[in-house]
Amino acid sequence: MIESGTKKRTIKKQNHLVFDKYDLYTKAVQSPEGDVEFIRDTYKEIKGRVPKTLREDFCGTFALSSEWVKLHKQNEAYGVDLDPEPMEYGRGRYFKKLSADQQKRLHLVEGDVLKVQLPKVDVTVALNFSYSLFKTRDVLKSYF
């Protein structure tokens, strides 16, 4: 065991490092709590009203969508991603920590952002340049 303050983490005794790539990514690249406040405040400044619905394309672990439903009791979020692995991680890491009401307002879709049919939302986000996977101008334009 390694003690770090009051937290203890078990490290496997092997010849390679053990790490949680999704946790490290969140810590290095994201700030979900601050991001949802920025999105809300910027939208309100531009549109003159508070947004209630959010669509997170390429959501991965859907940390942002989880924070969105926690931000306000009327907020609703849709998370879309093709890859089941990060979504499963998010279910274990974020979804289970939400209240029953928050879970009802978080809708997860394992699918192609170009093909899913979802209700119109106030805000759609595709963070960290995930849309760069679209290799032709026509596909990128069709996404936007």
N, C-alpha and C. Protein backbone atom coordinates (compact mmCIF):
# COMPACT_ATOMS: atom_id res chain seq x y z
N MET A 1 0.84 -1.18 0.00
CA MET A 1 0.00 0.00 0.00
C MET A 1 0.88 1.24 0.00
N ILE A 2 0.42 2.24 -0.69
CA ILE A 2 1.07 3.53 -0.66
C ILE A 2 0.11 4.51 -0.03
N GLU A 3 0.57 5.26 0.97
CA GLU A 3 -0.28 6.24 1.61
C GLU A 3 0.01 7.61 1.03
N SER A 4 -1.04 8.30 0.71
CA SER A 4 -0.93 9.66 0.19
C SER A 4 -1.94 10.49 0.95
N GLY A 5 -1.48 11.17 1.99
CA GLY A 5 -2.43 11.89 2.85
C GLY A 5 -3.28 10.88 3.57
N THR A 6 -4.59 10.98 3.40
CA THR A 6 -5.50 10.03 4.05
C THR A 6 -5.96 8.94 3.09
N LYS A 7 -5.56 9.04 1.83
CA LYS A 7 -5.99 8.05 0.85
C LYS A 7 -4.95 6.94 0.74
N LYS A 8 -5.44 5.73 0.53
CA LYS A 8 -4.56 4.60 0.31
C LYS A 8 -4.89 4.00 -1.05
N ARG A 9 -3.86 3.66 -1.80
CA ARG A 9 -4.05 3.01 -3.09
C ARG A 9 -3.20 1.76 -3.14
N THR A 10 -3.77 0.70 -3.64
CA THR A 10 -3.02 -0.53 -3.79
C THR A 10 -2.32 -0.51 -5.14
N ILE A 11 -1.04 -0.74 -5.14
CA ILE A 11 -0.25 -0.80 -6.36
C ILE A 11 0.14 -2.26 -6.58
N LYS A 12 -0.12 -2.76 -7.77
CA LYS A 12 0.23 -4.15 -8.08
C LYS A 12 1.74 -4.30 -8.15
N LYS A 13 2.22 -5.40 -7.63
CA LYS A 13 3.65 -5.68 -7.64
C LYS A 13 4.00 -6.40 -8.94
N GLN A 14 4.26 -5.64 -9.97
CA GLN A 14 4.65 -6.19 -11.26
C GLN A 14 5.77 -5.33 -11.84
N ASN A 15 6.27 -5.71 -12.99
CA ASN A 15 7.37 -4.98 -13.60
C ASN A 15 6.91 -3.83 -14.48
N HIS A 16 5.66 -3.42 -14.34
CA HIS A 16 5.19 -2.28 -15.12
C HIS A 16 4.32 -1.38 -14.24
N LEU A 17 4.19 -0.17 -14.67
CA LEU A 17 3.38 0.78 -13.92
C LEU A 17 1.90 0.48 -14.12
N VAL A 18 1.13 0.68 -13.12
CA VAL A 18 -0.31 0.52 -13.18
C VAL A 18 -0.93 1.90 -13.04
N PHE A 19 -1.79 2.25 -13.96
CA PHE A 19 -2.42 3.55 -13.88
C PHE A 19 -3.83 3.48 -14.43
N ASP A 20 -4.60 4.47 -14.12
CA ASP A 20 -5.98 4.59 -14.56
C ASP A 20 -6.01 5.65 -15.65
N LYS A 21 -6.01 5.23 -16.90
CA LYS A 21 -5.87 6.19 -18.00
C LYS A 21 -7.02 7.20 -18.05
N TYR A 22 -8.21 6.79 -17.68
CA TYR A 22 -9.35 7.72 -17.72
C TYR A 22 -9.27 8.75 -16.59
N ASP A 23 -8.84 8.32 -15.43
CA ASP A 23 -8.65 9.25 -14.32
C ASP A 23 -7.55 10.25 -14.66
N LEU A 24 -6.45 9.77 -15.20
CA LEU A 24 -5.34 10.65 -15.57
C LEU A 24 -5.76 11.64 -16.65
N TYR A 25 -6.53 11.17 -17.64
CA TYR A 25 -7.01 12.05 -18.70
C TYR A 25 -7.89 13.15 -18.12
N THR A 26 -8.80 12.78 -17.23
CA THR A 26 -9.68 13.77 -16.62
C THR A 26 -8.87 14.81 -15.86
N LYS A 27 -7.89 14.36 -15.10
CA LYS A 27 -7.07 15.28 -14.33
C LYS A 27 -6.20 16.17 -15.20
N ALA A 28 -5.71 15.64 -16.31
CA ALA A 28 -4.78 16.38 -17.16
C ALA A 28 -5.48 17.30 -18.17
N VAL A 29 -6.65 16.92 -18.63
CA VAL A 29 -7.26 17.61 -19.76
C VAL A 29 -8.59 18.27 -19.43
N GLN A 30 -9.33 17.72 -18.51
CA GLN A 30 -10.67 18.22 -18.25
C GLN A 30 -10.78 18.94 -16.91
N SER A 31 -11.84 19.70 -16.80
CA SER A 31 -12.24 20.32 -15.55
C SER A 31 -13.76 20.39 -15.57
N PRO A 32 -14.43 19.23 -15.47
CA PRO A 32 -15.87 19.17 -15.67
C PRO A 32 -16.68 20.14 -14.82
N GLU A 33 -16.31 20.29 -13.54
CA GLU A 33 -17.07 21.18 -12.67
C GLU A 33 -17.00 22.62 -13.17
N GLY A 34 -15.82 23.08 -13.52
CA GLY A 34 -15.65 24.43 -14.03
C GLY A 34 -16.20 24.59 -15.44
N ASP A 35 -16.05 23.55 -16.25
CA ASP A 35 -16.52 23.62 -17.64
C ASP A 35 -18.03 23.83 -17.71
N VAL A 36 -18.80 23.12 -16.88
CA VAL A 36 -20.26 23.27 -16.96
C VAL A 36 -20.69 24.66 -16.53
N GLU A 37 -20.00 25.23 -15.56
CA GLU A 37 -20.32 26.60 -15.14
C GLU A 37 -19.98 27.59 -16.25
N PHE A 38 -18.84 27.38 -16.91
CA PHE A 38 -18.45 28.24 -18.02
C PHE A 38 -19.46 28.16 -19.16
N ILE A 39 -19.88 26.95 -19.50
CA ILE A 39 -20.86 26.74 -20.57
C ILE A 39 -22.17 27.44 -20.21
N ARG A 40 -22.65 27.21 -19.00
CA ARG A 40 -23.89 27.85 -18.55
C ARG A 40 -23.79 29.37 -18.60
N ASP A 41 -22.74 29.91 -18.03
CA ASP A 41 -22.59 31.36 -17.94
C ASP A 41 -22.41 32.01 -19.31
N THR A 42 -21.63 31.38 -20.18
CA THR A 42 -21.41 31.92 -21.52
C THR A 42 -22.69 31.89 -22.34
N TYR A 43 -23.42 30.79 -22.26
CA TYR A 43 -24.70 30.69 -22.96
C TYR A 43 -25.66 31.78 -22.48
N LYS A 44 -25.74 31.96 -21.16
CA LYS A 44 -26.64 32.97 -20.60
C LYS A 44 -26.25 34.36 -21.08
N GLU A 45 -24.96 34.63 -21.12
CA GLU A 45 -24.49 35.93 -21.58
C GLU A 45 -24.86 36.19 -23.04
N ILE A 46 -24.75 35.15 -23.87
CA ILE A 46 -25.04 35.30 -25.31
C ILE A 46 -26.53 35.26 -25.60
N LYS A 47 -27.24 34.31 -24.99
CA LYS A 47 -28.65 34.07 -25.32
C LYS A 47 -29.64 34.76 -24.39
N GLY A 48 -29.16 35.21 -23.23
CA GLY A 48 -30.05 35.89 -22.30
C GLY A 48 -30.92 34.97 -21.46
N ARG A 49 -30.62 33.70 -21.47
CA ARG A 49 -31.35 32.74 -20.64
C ARG A 49 -30.40 31.61 -20.26
N VAL A 50 -30.78 30.87 -19.24
CA VAL A 50 -29.94 29.78 -18.75
C VAL A 50 -30.26 28.52 -19.54
N PRO A 51 -29.24 27.84 -20.06
CA PRO A 51 -29.48 26.59 -20.79
C PRO A 51 -29.86 25.46 -19.83
N LYS A 52 -30.69 24.57 -20.29
CA LYS A 52 -31.12 23.43 -19.47
C LYS A 52 -30.67 22.09 -20.05
N THR A 53 -30.47 22.04 -21.37
CA THR A 53 -30.13 20.76 -22.00
C THR A 53 -28.77 20.83 -22.67
N LEU A 54 -28.03 19.73 -22.56
CA LEU A 54 -26.69 19.65 -23.11
C LEU A 54 -26.50 18.31 -23.80
N ARG A 55 -25.84 18.35 -24.94
CA ARG A 55 -25.44 17.13 -25.64
C ARG A 55 -23.92 17.12 -25.68
N GLU A 56 -23.33 16.06 -25.15
CA GLU A 56 -21.88 15.91 -25.14
C GLU A 56 -21.50 14.84 -26.16
N ASP A 57 -21.07 15.28 -27.33
CA ASP A 57 -20.61 14.34 -28.35
C ASP A 57 -19.20 13.89 -28.03
N PHE A 58 -18.88 12.64 -28.40
CA PHE A 58 -17.59 12.05 -28.08
C PHE A 58 -17.38 12.11 -26.57
N CYS A 59 -18.40 11.72 -25.83
CA CYS A 59 -18.44 11.95 -24.38
C CYS A 59 -17.48 11.09 -23.59
N GLY A 60 -16.98 9.98 -24.13
CA GLY A 60 -16.06 9.13 -23.39
C GLY A 60 -16.66 8.68 -22.07
N THR A 61 -16.11 9.13 -20.97
CA THR A 61 -16.59 8.74 -19.64
C THR A 61 -17.76 9.61 -19.18
N PHE A 62 -18.17 10.53 -20.00
CA PHE A 62 -19.28 11.47 -19.77
C PHE A 62 -19.20 12.22 -18.43
N ALA A 63 -17.99 12.56 -18.04
CA ALA A 63 -17.80 13.34 -16.80
C ALA A 63 -18.50 14.69 -16.90
N LEU A 64 -18.43 15.32 -18.06
CA LEU A 64 -19.07 16.63 -18.23
C LEU A 64 -20.58 16.51 -18.13
N SER A 65 -21.16 15.54 -18.79
CA SER A 65 -22.61 15.34 -18.73
C SER A 65 -23.07 15.06 -17.30
N SER A 66 -22.26 14.32 -16.56
CA SER A 66 -22.59 14.03 -15.16
C SER A 66 -22.62 15.31 -14.34
N GLU A 67 -21.65 16.16 -14.56
CA GLU A 67 -21.62 17.44 -13.85
C GLU A 67 -22.77 18.34 -14.27
N TRP A 68 -23.17 18.25 -15.54
CA TRP A 68 -24.27 19.09 -16.03
C TRP A 68 -25.57 18.78 -15.28
N VAL A 69 -25.88 17.51 -15.10
CA VAL A 69 -27.13 17.17 -14.40
C VAL A 69 -27.05 17.50 -12.91
N LYS A 70 -25.85 17.56 -12.36
CA LYS A 70 -25.68 17.94 -10.96
C LYS A 70 -25.79 19.45 -10.77
N LEU A 71 -25.54 20.21 -11.83
CA LEU A 71 -25.51 21.67 -11.75
C LEU A 71 -26.86 22.27 -11.39
N HIS A 72 -27.94 21.68 -11.90
CA HIS A 72 -29.29 22.21 -11.63
C HIS A 72 -30.30 21.08 -11.74
N LYS A 73 -31.32 21.11 -10.89
CA LYS A 73 -32.31 20.03 -10.84
C LYS A 73 -33.15 19.90 -12.10
N GLN A 74 -33.12 20.89 -12.98
CA GLN A 74 -33.86 20.80 -14.24
C GLN A 74 -32.96 20.45 -15.43
N ASN A 75 -31.65 20.41 -15.23
CA ASN A 75 -30.74 20.13 -16.33
C ASN A 75 -30.84 18.68 -16.79
N GLU A 76 -30.72 18.53 -18.11
CA GLU A 76 -30.75 17.22 -18.72
C GLU A 76 -29.57 17.12 -19.68
N ALA A 77 -28.95 15.94 -19.76
CA ALA A 77 -27.78 15.77 -20.62
C ALA A 77 -27.89 14.49 -21.43
N TYR A 78 -27.31 14.55 -22.64
CA TYR A 78 -27.22 13.42 -23.55
C TYR A 78 -25.75 13.22 -23.86
N GLY A 79 -25.22 12.05 -23.56
CA GLY A 79 -23.83 11.73 -23.86
C GLY A 79 -23.78 10.70 -24.97
N VAL A 80 -22.99 10.98 -26.01
CA VAL A 80 -22.90 10.09 -27.17
C VAL A 80 -21.44 9.71 -27.42
N ASP A 81 -21.18 8.41 -27.55
CA ASP A 81 -19.84 7.94 -27.88
C ASP A 81 -19.93 6.56 -28.52
N LEU A 82 -19.02 6.30 -29.45
CA LEU A 82 -18.96 4.99 -30.12
C LEU A 82 -18.31 3.91 -29.27
N ASP A 83 -17.40 4.30 -28.41
CA ASP A 83 -16.56 3.34 -27.70
C ASP A 83 -17.20 2.91 -26.37
N PRO A 84 -17.51 1.63 -26.24
CA PRO A 84 -18.15 1.17 -25.00
C PRO A 84 -17.22 1.18 -23.78
N GLU A 85 -15.91 1.08 -23.99
CA GLU A 85 -14.99 1.00 -22.85
C GLU A 85 -15.03 2.25 -21.95
N PRO A 86 -14.83 3.45 -22.49
CA PRO A 86 -14.89 4.61 -21.58
C PRO A 86 -16.29 4.83 -21.01
N MET A 87 -17.31 4.47 -21.77
CA MET A 87 -18.67 4.63 -21.25
C MET A 87 -18.90 3.70 -20.06
N GLU A 88 -18.38 2.49 -20.13
CA GLU A 88 -18.51 1.56 -19.01
C GLU A 88 -17.75 2.10 -17.80
N TYR A 89 -16.59 2.65 -18.04
CA TYR A 89 -15.83 3.28 -16.96
C TYR A 89 -16.66 4.39 -16.31
N GLY A 90 -17.27 5.23 -17.13
CA GLY A 90 -18.09 6.33 -16.62
C GLY A 90 -19.27 5.84 -15.80
N ARG A 91 -19.85 4.72 -16.20
CA ARG A 91 -20.96 4.16 -15.42
C ARG A 91 -20.50 3.78 -14.01
N GLY A 92 -19.30 3.23 -13.93
CA GLY A 92 -18.77 2.85 -12.63
C GLY A 92 -18.21 4.01 -11.83
N ARG A 93 -17.71 5.01 -12.51
CA ARG A 93 -17.04 6.13 -11.84
C ARG A 93 -17.98 7.30 -11.55
N TYR A 94 -18.82 7.65 -12.49
CA TYR A 94 -19.64 8.86 -12.36
C TYR A 94 -21.13 8.58 -12.17
N PHE A 95 -21.67 7.74 -13.03
CA PHE A 95 -23.12 7.50 -13.03
C PHE A 95 -23.61 6.99 -11.68
N LYS A 96 -22.90 6.04 -11.12
CA LYS A 96 -23.35 5.43 -9.85
C LYS A 96 -23.33 6.41 -8.69
N LYS A 97 -22.57 7.50 -8.82
CA LYS A 97 -22.51 8.51 -7.76
C LYS A 97 -23.62 9.55 -7.86
N LEU A 98 -24.37 9.54 -8.97
CA LEU A 98 -25.46 10.48 -9.14
C LEU A 98 -26.67 10.02 -8.35
N SER A 99 -27.50 10.96 -7.94
CA SER A 99 -28.76 10.60 -7.29
C SER A 99 -29.67 9.93 -8.31
N ALA A 100 -30.73 9.30 -7.86
CA ALA A 100 -31.68 8.65 -8.77
C ALA A 100 -32.28 9.67 -9.73
N ASP A 101 -32.60 10.86 -9.24
CA ASP A 101 -33.15 11.90 -10.11
C ASP A 101 -32.14 12.34 -11.15
N GLN A 102 -30.89 12.52 -10.76
CA GLN A 102 -29.85 12.92 -11.71
C GLN A 102 -29.63 11.84 -12.76
N GLN A 103 -29.65 10.58 -12.35
CA GLN A 103 -29.49 9.48 -13.30
C GLN A 103 -30.59 9.48 -14.35
N LYS A 104 -31.80 9.82 -13.96
CA LYS A 104 -32.92 9.87 -14.91
C LYS A 104 -32.73 10.97 -15.95
N ARG A 105 -31.99 12.00 -15.60
CA ARG A 105 -31.80 13.13 -16.49
C ARG A 105 -30.52 13.03 -17.32
N LEU A 106 -29.78 11.94 -17.17
CA LEU A 106 -28.58 11.69 -17.96
C LEU A 106 -28.85 10.53 -18.91
N HIS A 107 -28.84 10.81 -20.20
CA HIS A 107 -29.16 9.82 -21.22
C HIS A 107 -27.88 9.47 -21.98
N LEU A 108 -27.51 8.21 -21.96
CA LEU A 108 -26.28 7.76 -22.59
C LEU A 108 -26.59 6.96 -23.85
N VAL A 109 -25.88 7.30 -24.92
CA VAL A 109 -26.10 6.64 -26.20
C VAL A 109 -24.76 6.15 -26.73
N GLU A 110 -24.65 4.84 -26.90
CA GLU A 110 -23.47 4.28 -27.54
C GLU A 110 -23.76 4.27 -29.04
N GLY A 111 -23.18 5.21 -29.75
CA GLY A 111 -23.47 5.32 -31.16
C GLY A 111 -22.64 6.39 -31.84
N ASP A 112 -22.85 6.50 -33.13
CA ASP A 112 -22.14 7.43 -34.01
C ASP A 112 -22.80 8.81 -33.91
N VAL A 113 -22.03 9.82 -33.57
CA VAL A 113 -22.59 11.17 -33.43
C VAL A 113 -23.23 11.67 -34.72
N LEU A 114 -22.81 11.12 -35.85
CA LEU A 114 -23.38 11.53 -37.14
C LEU A 114 -24.74 10.88 -37.41
N LYS A 115 -25.06 9.83 -36.68
CA LYS A 115 -26.27 9.06 -37.00
C LYS A 115 -27.34 9.05 -35.92
N VAL A 116 -26.99 9.37 -34.68
CA VAL A 116 -27.99 9.28 -33.61
C VAL A 116 -29.04 10.37 -33.75
N GLN A 117 -30.25 10.02 -33.40
CA GLN A 117 -31.37 10.97 -33.42
C GLN A 117 -31.74 11.29 -31.98
N LEU A 118 -31.48 12.52 -31.58
CA LEU A 118 -31.76 12.95 -30.23
C LEU A 118 -32.58 14.23 -30.26
N PRO A 119 -33.25 14.54 -29.16
CA PRO A 119 -33.99 15.80 -29.12
C PRO A 119 -33.05 17.00 -29.29
N LYS A 120 -33.60 18.10 -29.77
CA LYS A 120 -32.84 19.34 -29.88
C LYS A 120 -32.45 19.79 -28.47
N VAL A 121 -31.21 20.28 -28.33
CA VAL A 121 -30.71 20.73 -27.03
C VAL A 121 -30.26 22.17 -27.12
N ASP A 122 -30.09 22.78 -25.96
CA ASP A 122 -29.59 24.16 -25.92
C ASP A 122 -28.12 24.23 -26.33
N VAL A 123 -27.32 23.30 -25.83
CA VAL A 123 -25.88 23.34 -26.06
C VAL A 123 -25.39 21.97 -26.51
N THR A 124 -24.60 21.96 -27.58
CA THR A 124 -23.90 20.75 -28.01
C THR A 124 -22.41 21.03 -27.89
N VAL A 125 -21.70 20.13 -27.23
CA VAL A 125 -20.25 20.28 -27.09
C VAL A 125 -19.54 19.06 -27.65
N ALA A 126 -18.39 19.32 -28.24
CA ALA A 126 -17.47 18.27 -28.70
C ALA A 126 -16.09 18.77 -28.29
N LEU A 127 -15.67 18.37 -27.12
CA LEU A 127 -14.45 18.92 -26.54
C LEU A 127 -13.20 18.16 -26.95
N ASN A 128 -12.07 18.83 -26.76
CA ASN A 128 -10.75 18.24 -26.98
C ASN A 128 -10.52 17.80 -28.42
N PHE A 129 -11.15 18.49 -29.35
CA PHE A 129 -10.92 18.28 -30.78
C PHE A 129 -11.26 16.87 -31.24
N SER A 130 -12.20 16.23 -30.59
CA SER A 130 -12.61 14.88 -30.98
C SER A 130 -13.09 14.83 -32.42
N TYR A 131 -13.70 15.90 -32.87
CA TYR A 131 -14.23 15.94 -34.23
C TYR A 131 -13.12 15.95 -35.28
N SER A 132 -11.86 16.01 -34.86
CA SER A 132 -10.76 15.96 -35.83
C SER A 132 -10.65 14.59 -36.49
N LEU A 133 -11.40 13.63 -36.01
CA LEU A 133 -11.40 12.32 -36.65
C LEU A 133 -12.12 12.35 -38.00
N PHE A 134 -12.89 13.40 -38.24
CA PHE A 134 -13.55 13.54 -39.55
C PHE A 134 -12.49 14.00 -40.55
N LYS A 135 -12.18 13.16 -41.51
CA LYS A 135 -11.04 13.40 -42.39
C LYS A 135 -11.37 14.15 -43.67
N THR A 136 -12.62 14.33 -43.97
CA THR A 136 -12.97 15.10 -45.17
C THR A 136 -13.81 16.31 -44.78
N ARG A 137 -13.69 17.33 -45.60
CA ARG A 137 -14.43 18.56 -45.35
C ARG A 137 -15.94 18.30 -45.34
N ASP A 138 -16.40 17.48 -46.26
CA ASP A 138 -17.84 17.20 -46.33
C ASP A 138 -18.37 16.54 -45.08
N VAL A 139 -17.62 15.59 -44.52
CA VAL A 139 -18.07 14.92 -43.30
C VAL A 139 -18.04 15.90 -42.13
N LEU A 140 -16.99 16.69 -42.05
CA LEU A 140 -16.92 17.69 -40.98
C LEU A 140 -18.06 18.70 -41.09
N LYS A 141 -18.33 19.16 -42.30
CA LYS A 141 -19.44 20.09 -42.51
C LYS A 141 -20.77 19.46 -42.14
N SER A 142 -20.96 18.21 -42.47
CA SER A 142 -22.22 17.54 -42.14
C SER A 142 -22.37 17.42 -40.62
N TYR A 143 -21.26 17.25 -39.91
CA TYR A 143 -21.33 17.19 -38.45
C TYR A 143 -21.74 18.55 -37.88
N PHE A 144 -21.06 19.59 -38.35
CA PHE A 144 -21.38 20.93 -37.82
C PHE A 144 -22.74 21.39 -38.30
